[in-house]
Amino acid sequence: MSVTIYHNPACGTSRNTLAMIRNAGIEPIVIEYLNTPPDRQTLQAMIRDAGLTVREAVREKGTPYAELGLSHPALTDDQLLDAMLAHPILINRPFVVTELGVRLCRPSEVVLDILSSPQQGAFSKEDGEVVIDAQGRNVQ
């Protein structure tokens, strides 16, 4: 299975998502989107295919969201996309793309919906929350 994760290694949710992909025995394509942001067409497609609006895909916390005035309701999708492309930190994370779909994996266990391979063992998030039991079953 081909899996691509748009990853920020400084983000715990992104690290947990990547670890769950690997716990399924998959080594994904890892794109550190702050260094290599998606182009406009790719970003639009990921947002659309994840079933999100552009506004839902904009990250507020820890970004220049407020300084750029991005909360203004009159801003168009194109203006929001322009801001996201100019400041990739505004792209919410992590987006994961597989043959089964695209998801913004917040919370990280959303990734389980689009992996064709089962979890191969127990998994706990970095904060200790148990997500997968020893038999590879989702405990939530």
N, C-alpha and C. Protein backbone atom coordinates (compact mmCIF):
# COMPACT_ATOMS: atom_id res chain seq x y z
N MET A 1 0.84 -1.17 0.00
CA MET A 1 0.00 0.00 0.00
C MET A 1 0.88 1.24 0.00
N SER A 2 0.55 2.17 -0.86
CA SER A 2 1.27 3.44 -0.92
C SER A 2 0.62 4.42 0.06
N VAL A 3 1.44 4.98 0.95
CA VAL A 3 0.96 5.94 1.94
C VAL A 3 1.91 7.13 1.94
N THR A 4 1.33 8.31 1.89
CA THR A 4 2.11 9.54 1.98
C THR A 4 1.59 10.33 3.16
N ILE A 5 2.50 10.80 4.01
CA ILE A 5 2.14 11.64 5.14
C ILE A 5 2.82 12.99 4.98
N TYR A 6 2.03 14.05 5.11
CA TYR A 6 2.55 15.40 5.15
C TYR A 6 2.80 15.69 6.62
N HIS A 7 4.06 15.65 6.99
CA HIS A 7 4.50 15.48 8.37
C HIS A 7 5.24 16.70 8.88
N ASN A 8 5.03 16.97 10.17
CA ASN A 8 5.83 17.95 10.89
C ASN A 8 6.41 17.22 12.09
N PRO A 9 7.71 16.95 12.09
CA PRO A 9 8.30 16.17 13.17
C PRO A 9 8.23 16.85 14.53
N ALA A 10 7.92 18.15 14.57
CA ALA A 10 7.78 18.85 15.85
C ALA A 10 6.38 18.69 16.45
N CYS A 11 5.48 18.05 15.73
CA CYS A 11 4.08 17.91 16.16
C CYS A 11 3.83 16.50 16.69
N GLY A 12 3.35 16.41 17.93
CA GLY A 12 3.06 15.11 18.54
C GLY A 12 1.99 14.34 17.78
N THR A 13 0.95 15.00 17.30
CA THR A 13 -0.10 14.31 16.54
C THR A 13 0.48 13.72 15.27
N SER A 14 1.34 14.47 14.62
CA SER A 14 1.97 13.99 13.40
C SER A 14 2.90 12.81 13.69
N ARG A 15 3.66 12.89 14.77
CA ARG A 15 4.55 11.77 15.14
C ARG A 15 3.73 10.52 15.48
N ASN A 16 2.63 10.69 16.21
CA ASN A 16 1.78 9.54 16.55
C ASN A 16 1.18 8.92 15.29
N THR A 17 0.74 9.75 14.36
CA THR A 17 0.17 9.24 13.11
C THR A 17 1.21 8.45 12.33
N LEU A 18 2.40 8.99 12.20
CA LEU A 18 3.48 8.29 11.50
C LEU A 18 3.78 6.96 12.19
N ALA A 19 3.80 6.95 13.51
CA ALA A 19 4.08 5.71 14.24
C ALA A 19 2.99 4.67 14.02
N MET A 20 1.73 5.08 13.92
CA MET A 20 0.65 4.12 13.66
C MET A 20 0.74 3.55 12.25
N ILE A 21 1.15 4.37 11.29
CA ILE A 21 1.35 3.87 9.93
C ILE A 21 2.43 2.79 9.96
N ARG A 22 3.51 3.08 10.63
CA ARG A 22 4.61 2.11 10.72
C ARG A 22 4.21 0.89 11.53
N ASN A 23 3.32 1.05 12.51
CA ASN A 23 2.84 -0.09 13.31
C ASN A 23 1.98 -1.03 12.46
N ALA A 24 1.53 -0.54 11.32
CA ALA A 24 0.79 -1.38 10.37
C ALA A 24 1.74 -2.06 9.38
N GLY A 25 3.04 -1.89 9.60
CA GLY A 25 4.02 -2.52 8.71
C GLY A 25 4.24 -1.76 7.42
N ILE A 26 3.87 -0.51 7.38
CA ILE A 26 3.99 0.31 6.18
C ILE A 26 5.07 1.36 6.40
N GLU A 27 5.97 1.48 5.44
CA GLU A 27 6.93 2.57 5.48
C GLU A 27 6.44 3.62 4.48
N PRO A 28 5.90 4.72 4.98
CA PRO A 28 5.29 5.71 4.10
C PRO A 28 6.31 6.64 3.45
N ILE A 29 5.83 7.35 2.46
CA ILE A 29 6.57 8.49 1.93
C ILE A 29 6.31 9.62 2.92
N VAL A 30 7.38 10.16 3.48
CA VAL A 30 7.26 11.22 4.47
C VAL A 30 7.67 12.53 3.82
N ILE A 31 6.72 13.46 3.75
CA ILE A 31 7.00 14.78 3.21
C ILE A 31 6.93 15.77 4.36
N GLU A 32 8.08 16.33 4.70
CA GLU A 32 8.11 17.37 5.72
C GLU A 32 7.65 18.65 5.05
N TYR A 33 6.36 18.91 5.15
CA TYR A 33 5.72 19.94 4.34
C TYR A 33 6.19 21.36 4.67
N LEU A 34 6.82 21.56 5.83
CA LEU A 34 7.37 22.89 6.11
C LEU A 34 8.57 23.17 5.22
N ASN A 35 9.30 22.12 4.85
CA ASN A 35 10.46 22.24 3.96
C ASN A 35 10.06 22.07 2.50
N THR A 36 9.08 21.20 2.25
CA THR A 36 8.64 20.90 0.89
C THR A 36 7.11 20.96 0.86
N PRO A 37 6.55 22.16 0.82
CA PRO A 37 5.09 22.27 0.83
C PRO A 37 4.47 21.74 -0.46
N PRO A 38 3.24 21.26 -0.36
CA PRO A 38 2.56 20.81 -1.58
C PRO A 38 2.27 22.01 -2.48
N ASP A 39 2.13 21.74 -3.77
CA ASP A 39 1.74 22.83 -4.66
C ASP A 39 0.23 23.09 -4.48
N ARG A 40 -0.25 24.14 -5.07
CA ARG A 40 -1.64 24.56 -4.89
C ARG A 40 -2.62 23.44 -5.28
N GLN A 41 -2.39 22.82 -6.42
CA GLN A 41 -3.29 21.78 -6.92
C GLN A 41 -3.33 20.59 -5.94
N THR A 42 -2.18 20.17 -5.44
CA THR A 42 -2.11 19.06 -4.50
C THR A 42 -2.81 19.42 -3.20
N LEU A 43 -2.57 20.62 -2.69
CA LEU A 43 -3.20 21.05 -1.45
C LEU A 43 -4.72 21.10 -1.61
N GLN A 44 -5.19 21.68 -2.69
CA GLN A 44 -6.64 21.74 -2.94
C GLN A 44 -7.24 20.33 -3.01
N ALA A 45 -6.55 19.42 -3.70
CA ALA A 45 -7.06 18.05 -3.84
C ALA A 45 -7.11 17.34 -2.49
N MET A 46 -6.07 17.52 -1.67
CA MET A 46 -6.07 16.86 -0.35
C MET A 46 -7.22 17.39 0.51
N ILE A 47 -7.42 18.68 0.50
CA ILE A 47 -8.49 19.27 1.30
C ILE A 47 -9.84 18.75 0.81
N ARG A 48 -10.05 18.77 -0.49
CA ARG A 48 -11.31 18.30 -1.08
C ARG A 48 -11.53 16.81 -0.78
N ASP A 49 -10.49 16.00 -1.03
CA ASP A 49 -10.62 14.56 -0.87
C ASP A 49 -10.79 14.15 0.60
N ALA A 50 -10.34 15.01 1.51
CA ALA A 50 -10.53 14.74 2.94
C ALA A 50 -11.92 15.18 3.40
N GLY A 51 -12.68 15.81 2.50
CA GLY A 51 -14.03 16.25 2.85
C GLY A 51 -14.06 17.50 3.71
N LEU A 52 -13.02 18.32 3.57
CA LEU A 52 -12.91 19.53 4.38
C LEU A 52 -13.14 20.77 3.53
N THR A 53 -13.45 21.86 4.20
CA THR A 53 -13.41 23.16 3.54
C THR A 53 -11.98 23.67 3.69
N VAL A 54 -11.63 24.65 2.89
CA VAL A 54 -10.29 25.24 3.00
C VAL A 54 -10.12 25.82 4.40
N ARG A 55 -11.12 26.50 4.90
CA ARG A 55 -11.03 27.11 6.23
C ARG A 55 -10.77 26.04 7.30
N GLU A 56 -11.37 24.86 7.17
CA GLU A 56 -11.15 23.78 8.14
C GLU A 56 -9.72 23.23 8.10
N ALA A 57 -9.05 23.45 6.99
CA ALA A 57 -7.69 22.94 6.83
C ALA A 57 -6.62 23.95 7.26
N VAL A 58 -7.05 25.14 7.65
CA VAL A 58 -6.10 26.16 8.10
C VAL A 58 -5.82 25.95 9.58
N ARG A 59 -4.56 25.91 9.92
CA ARG A 59 -4.14 25.77 11.31
C ARG A 59 -4.03 27.15 11.95
N GLU A 60 -4.59 27.29 13.14
CA GLU A 60 -4.56 28.57 13.86
C GLU A 60 -3.45 28.60 14.91
N LYS A 61 -3.37 27.55 15.72
CA LYS A 61 -2.45 27.51 16.86
C LYS A 61 -0.99 27.50 16.39
N GLY A 62 -0.19 28.39 16.98
CA GLY A 62 1.24 28.41 16.69
C GLY A 62 1.58 28.88 15.29
N THR A 63 0.71 29.69 14.70
CA THR A 63 0.91 30.16 13.33
C THR A 63 0.66 31.67 13.28
N PRO A 64 0.93 32.29 12.13
CA PRO A 64 0.62 33.72 11.98
C PRO A 64 -0.86 33.97 11.60
N TYR A 65 -1.74 33.04 11.90
CA TYR A 65 -3.16 33.12 11.56
C TYR A 65 -3.77 34.47 11.98
N ALA A 66 -3.63 34.81 13.25
CA ALA A 66 -4.24 36.05 13.76
C ALA A 66 -3.58 37.27 13.16
N GLU A 67 -2.24 37.25 13.09
CA GLU A 67 -1.52 38.40 12.56
C GLU A 67 -1.89 38.69 11.11
N LEU A 68 -2.21 37.64 10.36
CA LEU A 68 -2.57 37.80 8.95
C LEU A 68 -4.06 38.11 8.76
N GLY A 69 -4.81 38.12 9.85
CA GLY A 69 -6.25 38.43 9.75
C GLY A 69 -7.06 37.36 9.06
N LEU A 70 -6.63 36.12 9.20
CA LEU A 70 -7.28 35.03 8.45
C LEU A 70 -8.64 34.62 9.02
N SER A 71 -9.00 35.14 10.17
CA SER A 71 -10.32 34.80 10.74
C SER A 71 -11.44 35.58 10.06
N HIS A 72 -11.10 36.56 9.28
CA HIS A 72 -12.13 37.39 8.64
C HIS A 72 -13.00 36.52 7.73
N PRO A 73 -14.33 36.50 7.96
CA PRO A 73 -15.21 35.61 7.19
C PRO A 73 -15.32 35.94 5.70
N ALA A 74 -14.92 37.13 5.31
CA ALA A 74 -15.02 37.51 3.89
C ALA A 74 -13.88 36.95 3.05
N LEU A 75 -12.85 36.40 3.69
CA LEU A 75 -11.74 35.84 2.91
C LEU A 75 -12.20 34.65 2.08
N THR A 76 -11.76 34.62 0.84
CA THR A 76 -12.14 33.54 -0.06
C THR A 76 -11.23 32.33 0.13
N ASP A 77 -11.65 31.20 -0.41
CA ASP A 77 -10.79 30.01 -0.39
C ASP A 77 -9.45 30.30 -1.06
N ASP A 78 -9.48 31.02 -2.16
CA ASP A 78 -8.23 31.34 -2.86
C ASP A 78 -7.30 32.17 -1.98
N GLN A 79 -7.85 33.11 -1.24
CA GLN A 79 -7.02 33.92 -0.35
C GLN A 79 -6.44 33.08 0.78
N LEU A 80 -7.24 32.16 1.32
CA LEU A 80 -6.75 31.28 2.37
C LEU A 80 -5.66 30.34 1.82
N LEU A 81 -5.88 29.80 0.63
CA LEU A 81 -4.87 28.94 0.01
C LEU A 81 -3.59 29.72 -0.24
N ASP A 82 -3.70 30.96 -0.70
CA ASP A 82 -2.51 31.80 -0.90
C ASP A 82 -1.72 31.92 0.40
N ALA A 83 -2.43 32.16 1.49
CA ALA A 83 -1.77 32.30 2.80
C ALA A 83 -1.10 30.99 3.20
N MET A 84 -1.77 29.87 2.98
CA MET A 84 -1.22 28.56 3.35
C MET A 84 0.03 28.25 2.53
N LEU A 85 0.03 28.62 1.28
CA LEU A 85 1.19 28.36 0.43
C LEU A 85 2.35 29.30 0.76
N ALA A 86 2.04 30.53 1.16
CA ALA A 86 3.08 31.47 1.55
C ALA A 86 3.65 31.15 2.92
N HIS A 87 2.82 30.55 3.78
CA HIS A 87 3.21 30.21 5.15
C HIS A 87 2.76 28.77 5.42
N PRO A 88 3.54 27.77 5.00
CA PRO A 88 3.11 26.37 5.13
C PRO A 88 2.74 25.94 6.55
N ILE A 89 3.21 26.66 7.57
CA ILE A 89 2.83 26.33 8.95
C ILE A 89 1.31 26.46 9.14
N LEU A 90 0.65 27.18 8.24
CA LEU A 90 -0.81 27.33 8.30
C LEU A 90 -1.55 26.09 7.80
N ILE A 91 -0.85 25.16 7.18
CA ILE A 91 -1.49 23.92 6.71
C ILE A 91 -1.64 23.00 7.92
N ASN A 92 -2.89 22.66 8.24
CA ASN A 92 -3.10 21.78 9.37
C ASN A 92 -2.48 20.42 9.08
N ARG A 93 -2.14 19.69 10.12
CA ARG A 93 -1.38 18.47 9.96
C ARG A 93 -1.85 17.40 10.91
N PRO A 94 -1.52 16.18 10.56
CA PRO A 94 -0.91 15.71 9.32
C PRO A 94 -1.98 15.26 8.33
N PHE A 95 -1.78 15.56 7.09
CA PHE A 95 -2.60 14.97 6.03
C PHE A 95 -1.95 13.65 5.65
N VAL A 96 -2.77 12.62 5.47
CA VAL A 96 -2.29 11.31 5.02
C VAL A 96 -3.09 10.92 3.79
N VAL A 97 -2.37 10.47 2.77
CA VAL A 97 -2.96 10.08 1.49
C VAL A 97 -2.68 8.60 1.27
N THR A 98 -3.74 7.81 1.06
CA THR A 98 -3.60 6.39 0.71
C THR A 98 -4.57 6.07 -0.42
N GLU A 99 -4.51 4.82 -0.90
CA GLU A 99 -5.45 4.39 -1.93
C GLU A 99 -6.88 4.35 -1.41
N LEU A 100 -7.05 4.31 -0.09
CA LEU A 100 -8.38 4.26 0.51
C LEU A 100 -8.94 5.62 0.85
N GLY A 101 -8.15 6.68 0.63
CA GLY A 101 -8.66 8.02 0.89
C GLY A 101 -7.61 8.95 1.46
N VAL A 102 -8.08 10.14 1.77
CA VAL A 102 -7.25 11.19 2.35
C VAL A 102 -7.92 11.64 3.64
N ARG A 103 -7.10 11.83 4.67
CA ARG A 103 -7.63 12.32 5.95
C ARG A 103 -6.67 13.33 6.55
N LEU A 104 -7.26 14.30 7.23
CA LEU A 104 -6.51 15.14 8.15
C LEU A 104 -6.58 14.37 9.46
N CYS A 105 -5.48 13.84 9.90
CA CYS A 105 -5.47 12.88 11.02
C CYS A 105 -5.36 13.59 12.36
N ARG A 106 -6.44 14.24 12.72
CA ARG A 106 -6.61 14.88 14.01
C ARG A 106 -7.93 14.38 14.56
N PRO A 107 -7.96 13.51 15.51
CA PRO A 107 -6.83 12.93 16.21
C PRO A 107 -6.09 11.91 15.33
N SER A 108 -4.92 11.52 15.79
CA SER A 108 -4.04 10.68 14.99
C SER A 108 -4.65 9.34 14.60
N GLU A 109 -5.53 8.79 15.44
CA GLU A 109 -6.10 7.47 15.12
C GLU A 109 -7.05 7.49 13.93
N VAL A 110 -7.39 8.67 13.42
CA VAL A 110 -8.18 8.77 12.19
C VAL A 110 -7.47 8.04 11.05
N VAL A 111 -6.14 7.96 11.12
CA VAL A 111 -5.38 7.29 10.06
C VAL A 111 -5.81 5.83 9.91
N LEU A 112 -6.30 5.21 10.97
CA LEU A 112 -6.70 3.79 10.90
C LEU A 112 -7.80 3.56 9.88
N ASP A 113 -8.62 4.59 9.60
CA ASP A 113 -9.71 4.46 8.63
C ASP A 113 -9.23 4.28 7.20
N ILE A 114 -7.98 4.67 6.92
CA ILE A 114 -7.51 4.64 5.53
C ILE A 114 -6.28 3.76 5.34
N LEU A 115 -6.00 2.90 6.30
CA LEU A 115 -4.91 1.93 6.15
C LEU A 115 -5.51 0.57 5.83
N SER A 116 -4.99 -0.08 4.80
CA SER A 116 -5.51 -1.41 4.44
C SER A 116 -4.87 -2.51 5.29
N SER A 117 -3.72 -2.22 5.88
CA SER A 117 -3.03 -3.20 6.72
C SER A 117 -3.41 -2.99 8.18
N PRO A 118 -3.64 -4.08 8.91
CA PRO A 118 -3.99 -3.94 10.33
C PRO A 118 -2.77 -3.56 11.17
N GLN A 119 -3.04 -3.05 12.34
CA GLN A 119 -1.98 -2.78 13.30
C GLN A 119 -1.35 -4.10 13.71
N GLN A 120 -0.05 -4.12 13.86
CA GLN A 120 0.66 -5.37 14.12
C GLN A 120 0.99 -5.61 15.58
N GLY A 121 0.56 -4.70 16.42
CA GLY A 121 0.81 -4.87 17.85
C GLY A 121 0.27 -3.69 18.61
N ALA A 122 0.54 -3.69 19.88
CA ALA A 122 0.05 -2.62 20.75
C ALA A 122 0.64 -1.28 20.33
N PHE A 123 -0.15 -0.23 20.56
CA PHE A 123 0.32 1.13 20.28
C PHE A 123 -0.28 2.08 21.30
N SER A 124 0.59 2.89 21.87
CA SER A 124 0.17 3.98 22.76
C SER A 124 0.73 5.28 22.20
N LYS A 125 -0.06 6.33 22.34
CA LYS A 125 0.40 7.65 21.92
C LYS A 125 1.52 8.10 22.85
N GLU A 126 2.20 9.14 22.44
CA GLU A 126 3.30 9.68 23.23
C GLU A 126 2.88 10.07 24.64
N ASP A 127 1.60 10.46 24.80
CA ASP A 127 1.12 10.85 26.13
C ASP A 127 0.68 9.66 26.97
N GLY A 128 0.85 8.44 26.44
CA GLY A 128 0.51 7.23 27.17
C GLY A 128 -0.88 6.67 26.87
N GLU A 129 -1.70 7.41 26.13
CA GLU A 129 -3.04 6.92 25.79
C GLU A 129 -2.93 5.67 24.92
N VAL A 130 -3.56 4.59 25.37
CA VAL A 130 -3.53 3.33 24.62
C VAL A 130 -4.56 3.42 23.50
N VAL A 131 -4.12 3.17 22.28
CA VAL A 131 -4.98 3.21 21.11
C VAL A 131 -5.23 1.81 20.56
N ILE A 132 -4.18 0.98 20.56
CA ILE A 132 -4.22 -0.38 20.00
C ILE A 132 -3.76 -1.35 21.06
N ASP A 133 -4.52 -2.45 21.24
CA ASP A 133 -4.14 -3.45 22.24
C ASP A 133 -3.10 -4.42 21.66
N ALA A 134 -2.67 -5.36 22.46
CA ALA A 134 -1.61 -6.29 22.07
C ALA A 134 -1.98 -7.17 20.88
N GLN A 135 -3.28 -7.32 20.64
CA GLN A 135 -3.74 -8.11 19.48
C GLN A 135 -3.94 -7.24 18.23
N GLY A 136 -3.58 -5.97 18.32
CA GLY A 136 -3.70 -5.09 17.17
C GLY A 136 -5.08 -4.51 16.97
N ARG A 137 -5.93 -4.58 18.01
CA ARG A 137 -7.30 -4.07 17.90
C ARG A 137 -7.41 -2.67 18.49
N ASN A 138 -8.21 -1.84 17.83
CA ASN A 138 -8.48 -0.49 18.30
C ASN A 138 -9.25 -0.59 19.61
N VAL A 139 -8.79 0.08 20.67
CA VAL A 139 -9.45 -0.01 21.97
C VAL A 139 -10.47 1.10 22.19
N GLN A 140 -10.69 1.92 21.21
CA GLN A 140 -11.63 3.03 21.38
C GLN A 140 -12.91 2.81 20.64
